[in-house]
Amino acid sequence: MKNALLLFSNQSGHGQFAAHEDAIVSALHRTFDEVDVVFTASAEEGQKRAKEACGEYHSLIIVGGDGTFHNILNAVAEEEDIPIIGYINNGTIGDIGRNFGVTGSYKKALKIIAGQHVMKADVCKTGDRYFAYVAAVGSFADIAYKAPRNRKQRLGKIAYYNMAVEQAFKKSKLNTTVYVDGVLYKKEVPFLMALNGRNIGGFAINKMGNMFDGKMELFLSNPGPFNGLLPYFFRRKKVVCLQGEHFHIKTDSDMAWCLDGEKGPVGELDIVLKKGLIRVYVDPKIRKKM
């Protein structure tokens, strides 16, 4: 029997998906024999419910933003018999969903789940915490977790982009020492990003990467106008990109890291790729982008 637990998060950027509950549940009943529905009022409740789903459900369908996915990932990552994860974006930008081919309306996400095309996805671990697609520090990195929720609900992506413009004119400098699979690199950067996927901020920054290839990419931004942001869009050959499975990163910054848009730890990070740790429903077309 294929049963599914549908978790609606009320904590994501838009938080308006309850109006689509009947349509979503009806569609899922055409795919699964049983569908249980839970609305979560806090990250802690969502994690508790997701953990309980391991070994009890065939599939775990998440309705929420990137932060919701991040919290659920941390709840289930070390459990046995993790359900297959389906994702319906209810966040502001939806970077995590883009890695699975989940873009556009909830109807497209439901079609992907109904298609039952499953792939094993890599995730990353640092200390006792997991993240799906990004760890970042320096200029622009704190925007995702500092943007007020009411502003995100009112302005959507513009809430983030307005903050990015402000930070582009505030000079940032981090002295960075990194080990990529044991090889040492040193560089002064305005910001850096460890990416396990293609998208961040709604843009396909990491076109050479995905969550299914057994590799991560580390981007060391060059100092320059707008805190080194422009080369990511116009002069990609000027961007330093290192690929590996294990990053050890030290900077002189006292800023908290951004992990999947959530506020993370402060200080040096030791990041290890966990290959194929979770199974997710994906759009088969993403294979063409790999």
C-alpha atoms as a PDB file:
ATOM      1  CA  MET A   1       0.000   0.000   0.000  1.00  0.00           C
ATOM      2  CA  LYS A   2       1.248   3.458  -0.917  1.00  0.00           C
ATOM      3  CA  ASN A   3       0.369   5.950   1.792  1.00  0.00           C
ATOM      4  CA  ALA A   4       1.463   9.564   2.046  1.00  0.00           C
ATOM      5  CA  LEU A   5       1.737  12.164   4.785  1.00  0.00           C
ATOM      6  CA  LEU A   6       1.014  15.685   3.544  1.00  0.00           C
ATOM      7  CA  LEU A   7       2.642  18.375   5.689  1.00  0.00           C
ATOM      8  CA  PHE A   8       1.397  21.941   5.216  1.00  0.00           C
ATOM      9  CA  SER A   9       3.707  24.540   6.758  1.00  0.00           C
ATOM     10  CA  ASN A  10       2.173  27.796   7.957  1.00  0.00           C
ATOM     11  CA  GLN A  11       5.656  29.273   8.427  1.00  0.00           C
ATOM     12  CA  SER A  12       6.720  29.824   4.811  1.00  0.00           C
ATOM     13  CA  GLY A  13       6.966  33.131   2.983  1.00  0.00           C
ATOM     14  CA  HIS A  14       3.474  33.102   1.465  1.00  0.00           C
ATOM     15  CA  GLY A  15       1.549  30.944   3.927  1.00  0.00           C
ATOM     16  CA  GLN A  16      -1.639  31.003   1.815  1.00  0.00           C
ATOM     17  CA  PHE A  17      -1.812  27.420   0.579  1.00  0.00           C
ATOM     18  CA  ALA A  18      -4.612  26.253   2.859  1.00  0.00           C
ATOM     19  CA  ALA A  19      -7.047  27.485   0.211  1.00  0.00           C
ATOM     20  CA  HIS A  20      -5.734  24.780  -2.138  1.00  0.00           C
ATOM     21  CA  GLU A  21      -5.939  21.961   0.394  1.00  0.00           C
ATOM     22  CA  ASP A  22      -8.932  20.203  -1.197  1.00  0.00           C
ATOM     23  CA  ALA A  23      -7.437  20.280  -4.698  1.00  0.00           C
ATOM     24  CA  ILE A  24      -4.063  19.019  -3.479  1.00  0.00           C
ATOM     25  CA  VAL A  25      -5.511  16.215  -1.363  1.00  0.00           C
ATOM     26  CA  SER A  26      -7.854  15.163  -4.167  1.00  0.00           C
ATOM     27  CA  ALA A  27      -4.959  14.939  -6.621  1.00  0.00           C
ATOM     28  CA  LEU A  28      -2.804  12.966  -4.183  1.00  0.00           C
ATOM     29  CA  HIS A  29      -5.619  10.465  -3.635  1.00  0.00           C
ATOM     30  CA  ARG A  30      -5.301   9.574  -7.315  1.00  0.00           C
ATOM     31  CA  THR A  31      -1.653   8.647  -6.688  1.00  0.00           C
ATOM     32  CA  PHE A  32      -1.702   7.166  -3.186  1.00  0.00           C
ATOM     33  CA  ASP A  33      -4.044   4.716  -1.457  1.00  0.00           C
ATOM     34  CA  GLU A  34      -4.164   6.813   1.719  1.00  0.00           C
ATOM     35  CA  VAL A  35      -3.326  10.472   2.381  1.00  0.00           C
ATOM     36  CA  ASP A  36      -3.069  11.944   5.874  1.00  0.00           C
ATOM     37  CA  VAL A  37      -2.971  15.728   6.199  1.00  0.00           C
ATOM     38  CA  VAL A  38      -1.249  17.731   8.930  1.00  0.00           C
ATOM     39  CA  PHE A  39      -0.961  21.522   9.277  1.00  0.00           C
ATOM     40  CA  THR A  40       2.134  22.527  11.246  1.00  0.00           C
ATOM     41  CA  ALA A  41       2.242  25.787  13.173  1.00  0.00           C
ATOM     42  CA  SER A  42       5.981  25.665  13.971  1.00  0.00           C
ATOM     43  CA  ALA A  43       9.239  24.248  12.654  1.00  0.00           C
ATOM     44  CA  GLU A  44       9.437  22.001  15.713  1.00  0.00           C
ATOM     45  CA  GLU A  45       6.033  20.486  15.028  1.00  0.00           C
ATOM     46  CA  GLY A  46       6.946  19.896  11.388  1.00  0.00           C
ATOM     47  CA  GLN A  47      10.143  18.123  12.390  1.00  0.00           C
ATOM     48  CA  LYS A  48       8.322  15.949  14.916  1.00  0.00           C
ATOM     49  CA  ARG A  49       5.715  14.893  12.376  1.00  0.00           C
ATOM     50  CA  ALA A  50       8.330  14.214   9.687  1.00  0.00           C
ATOM     51  CA  LYS A  51      10.416  12.092  12.035  1.00  0.00           C
ATOM     52  CA  GLU A  52       7.346  10.063  12.975  1.00  0.00           C
ATOM     53  CA  ALA A  53       6.641   9.491   9.273  1.00  0.00           C
ATOM     54  CA  CYS A  54       9.855   7.495   8.807  1.00  0.00           C
ATOM     55  CA  GLY A  55       9.005   3.819   8.556  1.00  0.00           C
ATOM     56  CA  GLU A  56       5.268   4.598   8.606  1.00  0.00           C
ATOM     57  CA  TYR A  57       4.669   6.246   5.230  1.00  0.00           C
ATOM     58  CA  HIS A  58       5.682   5.486   1.671  1.00  0.00           C
ATOM     59  CA  SER A  59       5.924   9.208   0.816  1.00  0.00           C
ATOM     60  CA  LEU A  60       6.254  12.498   2.653  1.00  0.00           C
ATOM     61  CA  ILE A  61       4.819  15.458   0.736  1.00  0.00           C
ATOM     62  CA  ILE A  62       6.037  18.852   1.933  1.00  0.00           C
ATOM     63  CA  VAL A  63       4.175  22.089   1.254  1.00  0.00           C
ATOM     64  CA  GLY A  64       6.392  24.999   2.291  1.00  0.00           C
ATOM     65  CA  GLY A  65       9.418  27.092   1.459  1.00  0.00           C
ATOM     66  CA  ASP A  66      13.144  26.361   1.398  1.00  0.00           C
ATOM     67  CA  GLY A  67      13.318  26.774   5.167  1.00  0.00           C
ATOM     68  CA  THR A  68      10.587  24.177   5.627  1.00  0.00           C
ATOM     69  CA  PHE A  69      12.464  21.689   3.442  1.00  0.00           C
ATOM     70  CA  HIS A  70      15.651  22.421   5.412  1.00  0.00           C
ATOM     71  CA  ASN A  71      13.933  21.729   8.729  1.00  0.00           C
ATOM     72  CA  ILE A  72      12.329  18.514   7.475  1.00  0.00           C
ATOM     73  CA  LEU A  73      15.648  17.327   6.056  1.00  0.00           C
ATOM     74  CA  ASN A  74      17.273  17.780   9.460  1.00  0.00           C
ATOM     75  CA  ALA A  75      14.451  15.830  11.086  1.00  0.00           C
ATOM     76  CA  VAL A  76      14.719  12.763   8.847  1.00  0.00           C
ATOM     77  CA  ALA A  77      18.354  12.663   7.676  1.00  0.00           C
ATOM     78  CA  GLU A  78      19.555  10.212  10.314  1.00  0.00           C
ATOM     79  CA  GLU A  79      16.378   8.142  10.514  1.00  0.00           C
ATOM     80  CA  GLU A  80      15.963   4.708   8.999  1.00  0.00           C
ATOM     81  CA  ASP A  81      13.488   4.133   6.178  1.00  0.00           C
ATOM     82  CA  ILE A  82      13.067   7.765   5.117  1.00  0.00           C
ATOM     83  CA  PRO A  83       9.932   8.184   2.965  1.00  0.00           C
ATOM     84  CA  ILE A  84      10.224   9.345  -0.627  1.00  0.00           C
ATOM     85  CA  ILE A  85       9.977  13.132  -0.485  1.00  0.00           C
ATOM     86  CA  GLY A  86       7.646  15.155  -2.679  1.00  0.00           C
ATOM     87  CA  TYR A  87       7.834  18.943  -2.677  1.00  0.00           C
ATOM     88  CA  ILE A  88       5.229  21.615  -3.397  1.00  0.00           C
ATOM     89  CA  ASN A  89       6.711  25.096  -3.153  1.00  0.00           C
ATOM     90  CA  ASN A  90       4.926  27.641  -0.999  1.00  0.00           C
ATOM     91  CA  GLY A  91       7.946  29.865  -0.412  1.00  0.00           C
ATOM     92  CA  THR A  92       9.060  33.175  -1.829  1.00  0.00           C
ATOM     93  CA  ILE A  93      11.649  32.013  -4.378  1.00  0.00           C
ATOM     94  CA  GLY A  94      11.704  28.214  -4.240  1.00  0.00           C
ATOM     95  CA  ASP A  95      15.342  27.432  -5.004  1.00  0.00           C
ATOM     96  CA  ILE A  96      15.184  23.934  -3.569  1.00  0.00           C
ATOM     97  CA  GLY A  97      12.257  22.967  -5.784  1.00  0.00           C
ATOM     98  CA  ARG A  98      14.051  24.081  -8.928  1.00  0.00           C
ATOM     99  CA  ASN A  99      16.658  21.405  -8.262  1.00  0.00           C
ATOM    100  CA  PHE A 100      13.881  18.814  -8.609  1.00  0.00           C
ATOM    101  CA  GLY A 101      12.222  20.508 -11.573  1.00  0.00           C
ATOM    102  CA  VAL A 102       9.448  21.877  -9.348  1.00  0.00           C
ATOM    103  CA  THR A 103       8.627  25.304 -10.755  1.00  0.00           C
ATOM    104  CA  GLY A 104       5.434  27.188 -11.428  1.00  0.00           C
ATOM    105  CA  SER A 105       2.105  26.301  -9.856  1.00  0.00           C
ATOM    106  CA  TYR A 106       1.296  23.607  -7.317  1.00  0.00           C
ATOM    107  CA  LYS A 107      -0.435  21.752 -10.154  1.00  0.00           C
ATOM    108  CA  LYS A 108       2.899  21.108 -11.849  1.00  0.00           C
ATOM    109  CA  ALA A 109       4.360  19.822  -8.577  1.00  0.00           C
ATOM    110  CA  LEU A 110       1.422  17.428  -8.241  1.00  0.00           C
ATOM    111  CA  LYS A 111       2.016  16.151 -11.779  1.00  0.00           C
ATOM    112  CA  ILE A 112       5.646  15.454 -10.887  1.00  0.00           C
ATOM    113  CA  ILE A 113       4.584  13.500  -7.804  1.00  0.00           C
ATOM    114  CA  ALA A 114       1.975  11.614  -9.837  1.00  0.00           C
ATOM    115  CA  GLY A 115       4.667  10.702 -12.364  1.00  0.00           C
ATOM    116  CA  GLN A 116       6.464   8.757  -9.590  1.00  0.00           C
ATOM    117  CA  HIS A 117       9.889   9.446 -11.094  1.00  0.00           C
ATOM    118  CA  VAL A 118      12.272   9.041  -8.156  1.00  0.00           C
ATOM    119  CA  MET A 119      15.974   9.911  -7.883  1.00  0.00           C
ATOM    120  CA  LYS A 120      18.464   9.702  -5.034  1.00  0.00           C
ATOM    121  CA  ALA A 121      19.647  13.196  -4.096  1.00  0.00           C
ATOM    122  CA  ASP A 122      22.851  14.255  -2.370  1.00  0.00           C
ATOM    123  CA  VAL A 123      22.708  16.473   0.703  1.00  0.00           C
ATOM    124  CA  CYS A 124      25.415  18.073   2.828  1.00  0.00           C
ATOM    125  CA  LYS A 125      26.328  17.784   6.494  1.00  0.00           C
ATOM    126  CA  THR A 126      28.247  20.236   8.662  1.00  0.00           C
ATOM    127  CA  GLY A 127      28.626  19.415  12.346  1.00  0.00           C
ATOM    128  CA  ASP A 128      25.292  17.993  13.465  1.00  0.00           C
ATOM    129  CA  ARG A 129      23.311  19.901  10.865  1.00  0.00           C
ATOM    130  CA  TYR A 130      22.293  19.078   7.304  1.00  0.00           C
ATOM    131  CA  PHE A 131      21.556  21.363   4.372  1.00  0.00           C
ATOM    132  CA  ALA A 132      20.218  20.648   0.924  1.00  0.00           C
ATOM    133  CA  TYR A 133      21.709  23.113  -1.536  1.00  0.00           C
ATOM    134  CA  VAL A 134      23.672  26.072  -0.113  1.00  0.00           C
ATOM    135  CA  ALA A 135      25.965  27.271   2.655  1.00  0.00           C
ATOM    136  CA  ALA A 136      27.016  30.906   2.221  1.00  0.00           C
ATOM    137  CA  VAL A 137      28.764  33.647   4.191  1.00  0.00           C
ATOM    138  CA  GLY A 138      29.755  37.250   3.512  1.00  0.00           C
ATOM    139  CA  SER A 139      27.939  39.865   1.461  1.00  0.00           C
ATOM    140  CA  PHE A 140      24.360  38.915   0.465  1.00  0.00           C
ATOM    141  CA  ALA A 141      24.441  35.709   2.556  1.00  0.00           C
ATOM    142  CA  ASP A 142      22.248  36.942   5.413  1.00  0.00           C
ATOM    143  CA  ILE A 143      19.456  38.338   3.213  1.00  0.00           C
ATOM    144  CA  ALA A 144      17.372  35.159   3.242  1.00  0.00           C
ATOM    145  CA  TYR A 145      17.157  34.870   7.015  1.00  0.00           C
ATOM    146  CA  LYS A 146      16.966  38.597   7.770  1.00  0.00           C
ATOM    147  CA  ALA A 147      14.178  39.574   5.360  1.00  0.00           C
ATOM    148  CA  PRO A 148      11.017  40.170   7.460  1.00  0.00           C
ATOM    149  CA  ARG A 149       8.239  37.686   6.808  1.00  0.00           C
ATOM    150  CA  ASN A 150       5.584  40.377   6.344  1.00  0.00           C
ATOM    151  CA  ARG A 151       7.735  42.057   3.701  1.00  0.00           C
ATOM    152  CA  LYS A 152       8.194  38.747   1.857  1.00  0.00           C
ATOM    153  CA  GLN A 153       4.442  38.170   1.916  1.00  0.00           C
ATOM    154  CA  ARG A 154       3.804  41.679   0.590  1.00  0.00           C
ATOM    155  CA  LEU A 155       6.619  42.043  -1.963  1.00  0.00           C
ATOM    156  CA  GLY A 156       7.694  38.499  -2.790  1.00  0.00           C
ATOM    157  CA  LYS A 157      11.145  38.248  -4.429  1.00  0.00           C
ATOM    158  CA  ILE A 158      11.520  42.028  -4.434  1.00  0.00           C
ATOM    159  CA  ALA A 159      11.951  41.929  -0.654  1.00  0.00           C
ATOM    160  CA  TYR A 160      15.185  40.008  -1.190  1.00  0.00           C
ATOM    161  CA  TYR A 161      16.383  41.953  -4.206  1.00  0.00           C
ATOM    162  CA  ASN A 162      15.977  45.322  -2.462  1.00  0.00           C
ATOM    163  CA  MET A 163      18.241  44.105   0.333  1.00  0.00           C
ATOM    164  CA  ALA A 164      20.741  42.778  -2.210  1.00  0.00           C
ATOM    165  CA  VAL A 165      21.006  46.216  -3.837  1.00  0.00           C
ATOM    166  CA  GLU A 166      21.721  47.781  -0.442  1.00  0.00           C
ATOM    167  CA  GLN A 167      24.467  45.257   0.337  1.00  0.00           C
ATOM    168  CA  ALA A 168      26.030  45.623  -3.099  1.00  0.00           C
ATOM    169  CA  PHE A 169      27.270  49.088  -2.088  1.00  0.00           C
ATOM    170  CA  LYS A 170      28.641  48.066   1.337  1.00  0.00           C
ATOM    171  CA  LYS A 171      32.162  46.773   0.827  1.00  0.00           C
ATOM    172  CA  SER A 172      32.734  43.304   2.229  1.00  0.00           C
ATOM    173  CA  LYS A 173      36.037  41.466   2.725  1.00  0.00           C
ATOM    174  CA  LEU A 174      36.689  37.998   4.126  1.00  0.00           C
ATOM    175  CA  ASN A 175      40.101  36.392   4.399  1.00  0.00           C
ATOM    176  CA  THR A 176      39.420  32.790   3.524  1.00  0.00           C
ATOM    177  CA  THR A 177      41.301  29.527   3.887  1.00  0.00           C
ATOM    178  CA  VAL A 178      39.681  26.459   2.375  1.00  0.00           C
ATOM    179  CA  TYR A 179      40.566  22.837   1.883  1.00  0.00           C
ATOM    180  CA  VAL A 180      38.831  21.121  -1.037  1.00  0.00           C
ATOM    181  CA  ASP A 181      39.283  17.354  -0.718  1.00  0.00           C
ATOM    182  CA  GLY A 182      42.449  18.150   1.218  1.00  0.00           C
ATOM    183  CA  VAL A 183      43.924  20.686  -1.243  1.00  0.00           C
ATOM    184  CA  LEU A 184      44.603  24.145   0.259  1.00  0.00           C
ATOM    185  CA  TYR A 185      43.386  27.436  -1.257  1.00  0.00           C
ATOM    186  CA  LYS A 186      43.627  30.952   0.209  1.00  0.00           C
ATOM    187  CA  LYS A 187      41.768  33.961  -1.108  1.00  0.00           C
ATOM    188  CA  GLU A 188      40.272  37.304  -0.090  1.00  0.00           C
ATOM    189  CA  VAL A 189      36.605  37.332  -1.069  1.00  0.00           C
ATOM    190  CA  PRO A 190      33.493  39.504  -0.554  1.00  0.00           C
ATOM    191  CA  PHE A 191      31.395  36.340  -0.164  1.00  0.00           C
ATOM    192  CA  LEU A 192      31.602  32.614  -0.777  1.00  0.00           C
ATOM    193  CA  MET A 193      29.090  29.849  -1.436  1.00  0.00           C
ATOM    194  CA  ALA A 194      29.184  26.081  -1.195  1.00  0.00           C
ATOM    195  CA  LEU A 195      26.482  24.888  -3.601  1.00  0.00           C
ATOM    196  CA  ASN A 196      24.920  21.469  -4.030  1.00  0.00           C
ATOM    197  CA  GLY A 197      22.517  22.373  -6.796  1.00  0.00           C
ATOM    198  CA  ARG A 198      21.972  24.850  -9.602  1.00  0.00           C
ATOM    199  CA  ASN A 199      19.904  27.663  -8.131  1.00  0.00           C
ATOM    200  CA  ILE A 200      20.278  30.371  -5.538  1.00  0.00           C
ATOM    201  CA  GLY A 201      18.240  33.556  -5.274  1.00  0.00           C
ATOM    202  CA  GLY A 202      16.111  32.402  -8.204  1.00  0.00           C
ATOM    203  CA  PHE A 203      19.078  32.279 -10.593  1.00  0.00           C
ATOM    204  CA  ALA A 204      20.883  29.267 -12.084  1.00  0.00           C
ATOM    205  CA  ILE A 205      24.270  30.290 -10.672  1.00  0.00           C
ATOM    206  CA  ASN A 206      25.751  26.787 -10.603  1.00  0.00           C
ATOM    207  CA  LYS A 207      25.004  25.557 -14.104  1.00  0.00           C
ATOM    208  CA  MET A 208      27.615  22.791 -13.852  1.00  0.00           C
ATOM    209  CA  GLY A 209      26.098  21.305 -10.707  1.00  0.00           C
ATOM    210  CA  ASN A 210      23.067  19.419  -9.465  1.00  0.00           C
ATOM    211  CA  MET A 211      21.986  17.425  -6.420  1.00  0.00           C
ATOM    212  CA  PHE A 212      22.519  14.054  -8.069  1.00  0.00           C
ATOM    213  CA  ASP A 213      26.147  14.065  -9.285  1.00  0.00           C
ATOM    214  CA  GLY A 214      28.109  13.215  -6.127  1.00  0.00           C
ATOM    215  CA  LYS A 215      29.897  16.582  -6.093  1.00  0.00           C
ATOM    216  CA  MET A 216      29.602  20.035  -4.526  1.00  0.00           C
ATOM    217  CA  GLU A 217      30.887  23.315  -5.941  1.00  0.00           C
ATOM    218  CA  LEU A 218      32.621  26.036  -3.926  1.00  0.00           C
ATOM    219  CA  PHE A 219      32.440  29.548  -5.387  1.00  0.00           C
ATOM    220  CA  LEU A 220      35.091  32.015  -4.225  1.00  0.00           C
ATOM    221  CA  SER A 221      33.971  35.432  -5.411  1.00  0.00           C
ATOM    222  CA  ASN A 222      36.523  37.930  -6.668  1.00  0.00           C
ATOM    223  CA  PRO A 223      36.585  41.421  -5.114  1.00  0.00           C
ATOM    224  CA  GLY A 224      35.136  44.052  -7.411  1.00  0.00           C
ATOM    225  CA  PRO A 225      32.175  46.339  -8.089  1.00  0.00           C
ATOM    226  CA  PHE A 226      28.970  45.384  -6.288  1.00  0.00           C
ATOM    227  CA  ASN A 227      30.970  43.065  -4.013  1.00  0.00           C
ATOM    228  CA  GLY A 228      31.925  40.747  -6.841  1.00  0.00           C
ATOM    229  CA  LEU A 229      28.363  39.990  -7.893  1.00  0.00           C
ATOM    230  CA  LEU A 230      28.489  41.023 -11.567  1.00  0.00           C
ATOM    231  CA  PRO A 231      30.757  38.200 -12.855  1.00  0.00           C
ATOM    232  CA  TYR A 232      28.121  35.646 -11.873  1.00  0.00           C
ATOM    233  CA  PHE A 233      25.868  37.115 -14.560  1.00  0.00           C
ATOM    234  CA  PHE A 234      28.169  38.604 -17.209  1.00  0.00           C
ATOM    235  CA  ARG A 235      31.730  37.244 -16.919  1.00  0.00           C
ATOM    236  CA  ARG A 236      31.420  33.696 -15.642  1.00  0.00           C
ATOM    237  CA  LYS A 237      35.008  32.815 -16.559  1.00  0.00           C
ATOM    238  CA  LYS A 238      36.148  35.253 -13.861  1.00  0.00           C
ATOM    239  CA  VAL A 239      34.390  33.277 -11.102  1.00  0.00           C
ATOM    240  CA  VAL A 240      36.560  30.820  -9.161  1.00  0.00           C
ATOM    241  CA  CYS A 241      34.737  27.481  -8.815  1.00  0.00           C
ATOM    242  CA  LEU A 242      36.219  24.458  -7.030  1.00  0.00           C
ATOM    243  CA  GLN A 243      34.582  21.042  -7.071  1.00  0.00           C
ATOM    244  CA  GLY A 244      34.802  18.327  -4.434  1.00  0.00           C
ATOM    245  CA  GLU A 245      33.150  16.118  -1.833  1.00  0.00           C
ATOM    246  CA  HIS A 246      34.646  17.602   1.330  1.00  0.00           C
ATOM    247  CA  PHE A 247      35.162  21.293   2.103  1.00  0.00           C
ATOM    248  CA  HIS A 248      36.823  22.722   5.205  1.00  0.00           C
ATOM    249  CA  ILE A 249      36.322  26.496   5.285  1.00  0.00           C
ATOM    250  CA  LYS A 250      37.807  29.115   7.613  1.00  0.00           C
ATOM    251  CA  THR A 251      37.169  32.857   7.400  1.00  0.00           C
ATOM    252  CA  ASP A 252      37.809  35.840   9.671  1.00  0.00           C
ATOM    253  CA  SER A 253      34.080  36.680   9.639  1.00  0.00           C
ATOM    254  CA  ASP A 254      31.911  36.610  12.771  1.00  0.00           C
ATOM    255  CA  MET A 255      28.782  36.459  10.616  1.00  0.00           C
ATOM    256  CA  ALA A 256      26.393  33.514  10.844  1.00  0.00           C
ATOM    257  CA  TRP A 257      26.377  31.211   7.851  1.00  0.00           C
ATOM    258  CA  CYS A 258      23.267  30.896   5.715  1.00  0.00           C
ATOM    259  CA  LEU A 259      22.156  27.265   5.309  1.00  0.00           C
ATOM    260  CA  ASP A 260      19.322  26.845   2.785  1.00  0.00           C
ATOM    261  CA  GLY A 261      18.131  30.346   3.652  1.00  0.00           C
ATOM    262  CA  GLU A 262      18.165  29.676   7.409  1.00  0.00           C
ATOM    263  CA  LYS A 263      20.520  31.174   9.991  1.00  0.00           C
ATOM    264  CA  GLY A 264      23.338  28.736  10.642  1.00  0.00           C
ATOM    265  CA  PRO A 265      26.474  28.481  12.796  1.00  0.00           C
ATOM    266  CA  VAL A 266      29.292  31.021  13.164  1.00  0.00           C
ATOM    267  CA  GLY A 267      32.918  30.198  12.412  1.00  0.00           C
ATOM    268  CA  GLU A 268      34.652  27.527  10.385  1.00  0.00           C
ATOM    269  CA  LEU A 269      32.658  24.835   8.633  1.00  0.00           C
ATOM    270  CA  ASP A 270      33.557  21.264   7.768  1.00  0.00           C
ATOM    271  CA  ILE A 271      31.160  20.210   5.007  1.00  0.00           C
ATOM    272  CA  VAL A 272      30.822  16.601   3.899  1.00  0.00           C
ATOM    273  CA  LEU A 273      28.652  15.457   0.989  1.00  0.00           C
ATOM    274  CA  LYS A 274      26.220  12.653   1.818  1.00  0.00           C
ATOM    275  CA  LYS A 275      25.619  10.976  -1.515  1.00  0.00           C
ATOM    276  CA  GLY A 276      22.127   9.789  -2.373  1.00  0.00           C
ATOM    277  CA  LEU A 277      20.885  10.194   1.204  1.00  0.00           C
ATOM    278  CA  ILE A 278      17.291  11.034   0.289  1.00  0.00           C
ATOM    279  CA  ARG A 279      14.884   9.963  -2.454  1.00  0.00           C
ATOM    280  CA  VAL A 280      12.812  12.658  -4.113  1.00  0.00           C
ATOM    281  CA  TYR A 281      10.156  12.934  -6.791  1.00  0.00           C
ATOM    282  CA  VAL A 282      11.624  14.848  -9.732  1.00  0.00           C
ATOM    283  CA  ASP A 283      10.666  16.051 -13.164  1.00  0.00           C
ATOM    284  CA  PRO A 284      12.330  13.574 -15.596  1.00  0.00           C
ATOM    285  CA  LYS A 285      13.349  16.544 -17.751  1.00  0.00           C
ATOM    286  CA  ILE A 286      16.011  17.555 -15.222  1.00  0.00           C
ATOM    287  CA  ARG A 287      18.209  14.760 -16.590  1.00  0.00           C
ATOM    288  CA  LYS A 288      18.681  16.912 -19.695  1.00  0.00           C
ATOM    289  CA  LYS A 289      20.264  19.593 -17.488  1.00  0.00           C
ATOM    290  CA  MET A 290      22.754  17.185 -15.898  1.00  0.00           C
END
